[in-house]
Amino acid sequence: MKSLKINIEENTDAEKLKELLLQVKGVTSIEIIDEDNPESELKKAFAKTKEQLKKGDYETLVNDIFDILTKNNSKK
């Protein structure tokens, strides 16, 4: 899977942009990440936890949480 990172200005309507991009052929999903709000990142990671645990995907779960924690600590 390939991904594309798009940085937007503060006043941009991210939901409208998401709707627009989902209409493009080949775009399968879009995740809005608020780097100024690390709690939202942790909430997203824990929301995926239940499914990952059911699949036995412990490594991805640990890596996701570790990446979030280390990324936010490096900004301080």
C-alpha atoms as a PDB file:
ATOM      1  CA  MET A   1       0.000   0.000   0.000  1.00  0.00           C
ATOM      2  CA  LYS A   2       1.206   3.499  -0.776  1.00  0.00           C
ATOM      3  CA  SER A   3       0.171   6.619   1.074  1.00  0.00           C
ATOM      4  CA  LEU A   4       0.151  10.330   0.403  1.00  0.00           C
ATOM      5  CA  LYS A   5       0.671  12.979   3.062  1.00  0.00           C
ATOM      6  CA  ILE A   6      -1.025  16.333   2.531  1.00  0.00           C
ATOM      7  CA  ASN A   7      -0.431  19.267   4.862  1.00  0.00           C
ATOM      8  CA  ILE A   8      -3.266  21.780   5.077  1.00  0.00           C
ATOM      9  CA  GLU A   9      -3.668  25.234   6.574  1.00  0.00           C
ATOM     10  CA  GLU A  10      -5.493  25.731   9.859  1.00  0.00           C
ATOM     11  CA  ASN A  11      -8.630  27.203   8.279  1.00  0.00           C
ATOM     12  CA  THR A  12      -9.071  24.415   5.693  1.00  0.00           C
ATOM     13  CA  ASP A  13     -12.242  22.336   5.916  1.00  0.00           C
ATOM     14  CA  ALA A  14     -10.606  18.922   6.302  1.00  0.00           C
ATOM     15  CA  GLU A  15     -13.882  17.000   6.085  1.00  0.00           C
ATOM     16  CA  LYS A  16     -14.777  18.600   2.728  1.00  0.00           C
ATOM     17  CA  LEU A  17     -11.292  17.845   1.426  1.00  0.00           C
ATOM     18  CA  LYS A  18     -11.673  14.261   2.619  1.00  0.00           C
ATOM     19  CA  GLU A  19     -15.008  13.912   0.781  1.00  0.00           C
ATOM     20  CA  LEU A  20     -13.451  15.300  -2.395  1.00  0.00           C
ATOM     21  CA  LEU A  21     -10.404  13.035  -2.298  1.00  0.00           C
ATOM     22  CA  LEU A  22     -12.496   9.915  -1.642  1.00  0.00           C
ATOM     23  CA  GLN A  23     -14.139  10.488  -5.031  1.00  0.00           C
ATOM     24  CA  VAL A  24     -10.784  10.113  -6.813  1.00  0.00           C
ATOM     25  CA  LYS A  25     -10.281   6.704  -8.444  1.00  0.00           C
ATOM     26  CA  GLY A  26      -7.795   4.608  -6.518  1.00  0.00           C
ATOM     27  CA  VAL A  27      -8.228   6.395  -3.169  1.00  0.00           C
ATOM     28  CA  THR A  28      -9.343   3.737  -0.693  1.00  0.00           C
ATOM     29  CA  SER A  29      -9.272   5.628   2.596  1.00  0.00           C
ATOM     30  CA  ILE A  30      -8.315   8.928   4.166  1.00  0.00           C
ATOM     31  CA  GLU A  31      -7.228   9.565   7.738  1.00  0.00           C
ATOM     32  CA  ILE A  32      -7.191  13.054   9.197  1.00  0.00           C
ATOM     33  CA  ILE A  33      -4.290  13.441  11.636  1.00  0.00           C
ATOM     34  CA  ASP A  34      -4.127  16.416  13.972  1.00  0.00           C
ATOM     35  CA  GLU A  35      -0.455  16.664  14.950  1.00  0.00           C
ATOM     36  CA  ASP A  36      -1.259  19.490  17.383  1.00  0.00           C
ATOM     37  CA  ASN A  37      -3.561  17.174  19.325  1.00  0.00           C
ATOM     38  CA  PRO A  38      -1.664  14.008  20.310  1.00  0.00           C
ATOM     39  CA  GLU A  39      -4.650  12.720  22.279  1.00  0.00           C
ATOM     40  CA  SER A  40      -6.630  12.292  19.068  1.00  0.00           C
ATOM     41  CA  GLU A  41      -3.824  10.110  17.708  1.00  0.00           C
ATOM     42  CA  LEU A  42      -3.829   7.902  20.776  1.00  0.00           C
ATOM     43  CA  LYS A  43      -7.616   7.591  20.622  1.00  0.00           C
ATOM     44  CA  LYS A  44      -7.377   6.431  16.995  1.00  0.00           C
ATOM     45  CA  ALA A  45      -4.663   3.921  17.872  1.00  0.00           C
ATOM     46  CA  PHE A  46      -6.704   2.475  20.729  1.00  0.00           C
ATOM     47  CA  ALA A  47      -9.836   2.390  18.566  1.00  0.00           C
ATOM     48  CA  LYS A  48      -7.970  -0.010  16.249  1.00  0.00           C
ATOM     49  CA  THR A  49      -6.807  -2.099  19.219  1.00  0.00           C
ATOM     50  CA  LYS A  50      -9.847  -4.350  19.473  1.00  0.00           C
ATOM     51  CA  GLU A  51      -9.676  -5.476  15.844  1.00  0.00           C
ATOM     52  CA  GLN A  52      -5.897  -5.891  15.925  1.00  0.00           C
ATOM     53  CA  LEU A  53      -6.105  -8.038  19.053  1.00  0.00           C
ATOM     54  CA  LYS A  54      -8.805 -10.206  17.482  1.00  0.00           C
ATOM     55  CA  LYS A  55      -6.501 -10.804  14.515  1.00  0.00           C
ATOM     56  CA  GLY A  56      -3.499 -11.410  16.757  1.00  0.00           C
ATOM     57  CA  ASP A  57      -1.703  -8.439  15.200  1.00  0.00           C
ATOM     58  CA  TYR A  58       0.201  -7.451  18.326  1.00  0.00           C
ATOM     59  CA  GLU A  59       3.293  -6.158  16.540  1.00  0.00           C
ATOM     60  CA  THR A  60       1.377  -3.545  14.527  1.00  0.00           C
ATOM     61  CA  LEU A  61      -0.518  -2.435  17.618  1.00  0.00           C
ATOM     62  CA  VAL A  62       2.655  -1.906  19.630  1.00  0.00           C
ATOM     63  CA  ASN A  63       4.388  -0.159  16.717  1.00  0.00           C
ATOM     64  CA  ASP A  64       1.442   2.225  16.177  1.00  0.00           C
ATOM     65  CA  ILE A  65       1.390   3.296  19.819  1.00  0.00           C
ATOM     66  CA  PHE A  66       5.195   3.524  20.034  1.00  0.00           C
ATOM     67  CA  ASP A  67       5.328   5.717  16.894  1.00  0.00           C
ATOM     68  CA  ILE A  68       2.713   8.077  18.299  1.00  0.00           C
ATOM     69  CA  LEU A  69       4.470   8.409  21.641  1.00  0.00           C
ATOM     70  CA  THR A  70       7.932   8.930  20.198  1.00  0.00           C
ATOM     71  CA  LYS A  71       6.722  11.363  17.504  1.00  0.00           C
ATOM     72  CA  ASN A  72       5.040  13.578  20.095  1.00  0.00           C
ATOM     73  CA  ASN A  73       7.989  13.482  22.493  1.00  0.00           C
ATOM     74  CA  SER A  74      10.402  14.560  19.764  1.00  0.00           C
ATOM     75  CA  LYS A  75       8.451  17.807  19.243  1.00  0.00           C
ATOM     76  CA  LYS A  76       9.042  19.027  22.819  1.00  0.00           C
END
